[in-house]
Amino acid sequence: MTRWTRICAVEALVPDRGAAALVEGRQVAIFRLSDSGMIHAVDHLDPFSRANVMARGLVGSRQGIPTVASPMHKQSFDLLTGQCLDDPDVALAVWPTRVNDGWVEICSGAA
C-alpha cells in the first residue's frame, strides 16, 4: 500500500518558485510550473554544496525539459528524473506527486 503525505494547497505554491517541506524526515523541494501547472518534487539537498537550497533554485527549461538550477553553483537538474544536466554522475531523488481535492500530496513510501 502506498502512503501519501499532504503538503499544502495547490494555490499556496507560487508558480515557478520552490517551497520546502519535510516528508518522512527528509527535506523536499516542491515546484508548480506556470506553463503546465505540473507539480514536481525533488530532494532539497544540493548534492554539490551539501546545503538544503534546491527550493530556492531557478526554475526554467533546457531543450523542453523542465529544470531547476541550484542557487549555489548553478548546476541544472531535470525535474522529471532528477538527473543533473551538467554532470551525468549526479542526480536528485524525485518524489512522486499528485493533487487530491486541491491539495499537493507527495508519495512518502509504503504504508
Protein backbone atom coordinates (compact mmCIF):
# COMPACT_ATOMS: atom_id res chain seq x y z
CA MET A 1 0.00 0.00 0.00
CA THR A 2 1.30 3.47 -0.90
CA ARG A 3 1.33 6.31 1.64
CA TRP A 4 0.77 9.90 0.51
CA THR A 5 1.69 12.89 2.67
CA ARG A 6 -0.43 16.04 2.35
CA ILE A 7 1.85 19.07 1.93
CA CYS A 8 -0.13 22.21 1.11
CA ALA A 9 -2.92 23.63 -1.00
CA VAL A 10 -2.01 23.91 -4.69
CA GLU A 11 -2.77 27.66 -4.54
CA ALA A 12 -0.12 28.07 -1.82
CA LEU A 13 2.62 27.22 -4.35
CA VAL A 14 3.73 30.26 -6.33
CA PRO A 15 4.26 29.21 -9.96
CA ASP A 16 7.93 28.77 -10.90
CA ARG A 17 9.06 29.25 -7.29
CA GLY A 18 10.04 26.49 -4.93
CA ALA A 19 8.80 25.57 -1.49
CA ALA A 20 10.37 23.20 1.03
CA ALA A 21 8.60 20.53 3.05
CA LEU A 22 9.64 17.84 5.48
CA VAL A 23 8.49 14.39 4.32
CA GLU A 24 9.34 11.31 6.38
CA GLY A 25 12.30 13.17 7.88
CA ARG A 26 13.70 14.32 4.53
CA GLN A 27 13.64 17.85 3.14
CA VAL A 28 11.88 18.03 -0.22
CA ALA A 29 11.75 20.90 -2.74
CA ILE A 30 8.36 21.31 -4.45
CA PHE A 31 7.67 23.26 -7.65
CA ARG A 32 4.49 24.19 -9.54
CA LEU A 33 5.29 25.08 -13.15
CA SER A 34 3.48 28.05 -14.67
CA ASP A 35 3.35 26.72 -18.22
CA SER A 36 1.89 23.27 -17.47
CA GLY A 37 0.63 23.56 -13.90
CA MET A 38 2.50 20.35 -13.14
CA ILE A 39 3.81 19.75 -9.62
CA HIS A 40 7.33 18.33 -9.20
CA ALA A 41 9.24 17.34 -6.08
CA VAL A 42 12.96 16.60 -5.68
CA ASP A 43 15.36 16.45 -2.77
CA HIS A 44 16.01 19.86 -1.21
CA LEU A 45 19.69 18.97 -0.61
CA ASP A 46 22.03 20.28 -3.31
CA PRO A 47 24.47 17.41 -3.92
CA PHE A 48 27.28 19.80 -4.86
CA SER A 49 27.19 22.27 -1.97
CA ARG A 50 25.55 19.86 0.54
CA ALA A 51 23.18 22.69 1.54
CA ASN A 52 19.38 22.45 1.65
CA VAL A 53 18.71 25.09 -1.00
CA MET A 54 17.08 23.48 -4.05
CA ALA A 55 13.66 25.03 -3.30
CA ARG A 56 15.37 28.42 -3.83
CA GLY A 57 16.69 27.37 -7.24
CA LEU A 58 15.91 28.95 -10.59
CA VAL A 59 13.11 27.19 -12.48
CA GLY A 60 13.44 27.02 -16.24
CA SER A 61 13.83 24.56 -19.07
CA ARG A 62 16.55 23.16 -21.27
CA GLN A 63 15.55 21.74 -24.66
CA GLY A 64 11.97 21.38 -23.45
CA ILE A 65 12.93 19.66 -20.18
CA PRO A 66 11.69 21.39 -17.01
CA THR A 67 14.67 22.20 -14.80
CA VAL A 68 15.76 23.74 -11.55
CA ALA A 69 19.24 25.28 -11.23
CA SER A 70 20.94 25.23 -7.86
CA PRO A 71 21.19 28.72 -6.37
CA MET A 72 24.69 27.86 -5.12
CA HIS A 73 26.71 26.75 -8.16
CA LYS A 74 24.02 26.84 -10.89
CA GLN A 75 24.04 23.15 -11.90
CA SER A 76 20.73 22.33 -13.61
CA PHE A 77 18.61 19.32 -12.73
CA ASP A 78 15.81 17.68 -14.74
CA LEU A 79 12.64 17.98 -12.63
CA LEU A 80 11.22 14.82 -14.24
CA THR A 81 14.14 12.48 -13.49
CA GLY A 82 16.35 14.39 -11.03
CA GLN A 83 19.34 13.93 -13.35
CA CYS A 84 21.95 16.69 -13.29
CA LEU A 85 22.23 18.06 -16.83
CA ASP A 86 25.76 19.32 -16.17
CA ASP A 87 27.21 16.18 -14.55
CA PRO A 88 25.78 12.77 -15.57
CA ASP A 89 27.13 11.15 -12.38
CA VAL A 90 24.88 13.22 -10.10
CA ALA A 91 21.11 13.18 -9.57
CA LEU A 92 18.49 14.35 -7.09
CA ALA A 93 15.90 11.92 -5.78
CA VAL A 94 12.49 12.52 -7.36
CA TRP A 95 9.32 12.26 -5.29
CA PRO A 96 6.01 11.27 -6.94
CA THR A 97 3.35 13.94 -6.53
CA ARG A 98 -0.38 14.25 -7.04
CA VAL A 99 -3.15 16.77 -6.44
CA ASN A 100 -6.04 15.47 -4.36
CA ASP A 101 -9.01 17.77 -3.67
CA GLY A 102 -6.85 20.83 -4.28
CA TRP A 103 -4.02 19.63 -2.00
CA VAL A 104 -0.49 18.70 -3.08
CA GLU A 105 0.49 15.26 -1.85
CA ILE A 106 3.86 13.53 -2.04
CA CYS A 107 4.33 9.78 -2.09
CA SER A 108 6.31 9.01 1.03
CA GLY A 109 6.60 5.25 0.61
CA ALA A 110 4.74 2.15 1.61
CA ALA A 111 2.27 2.24 4.46
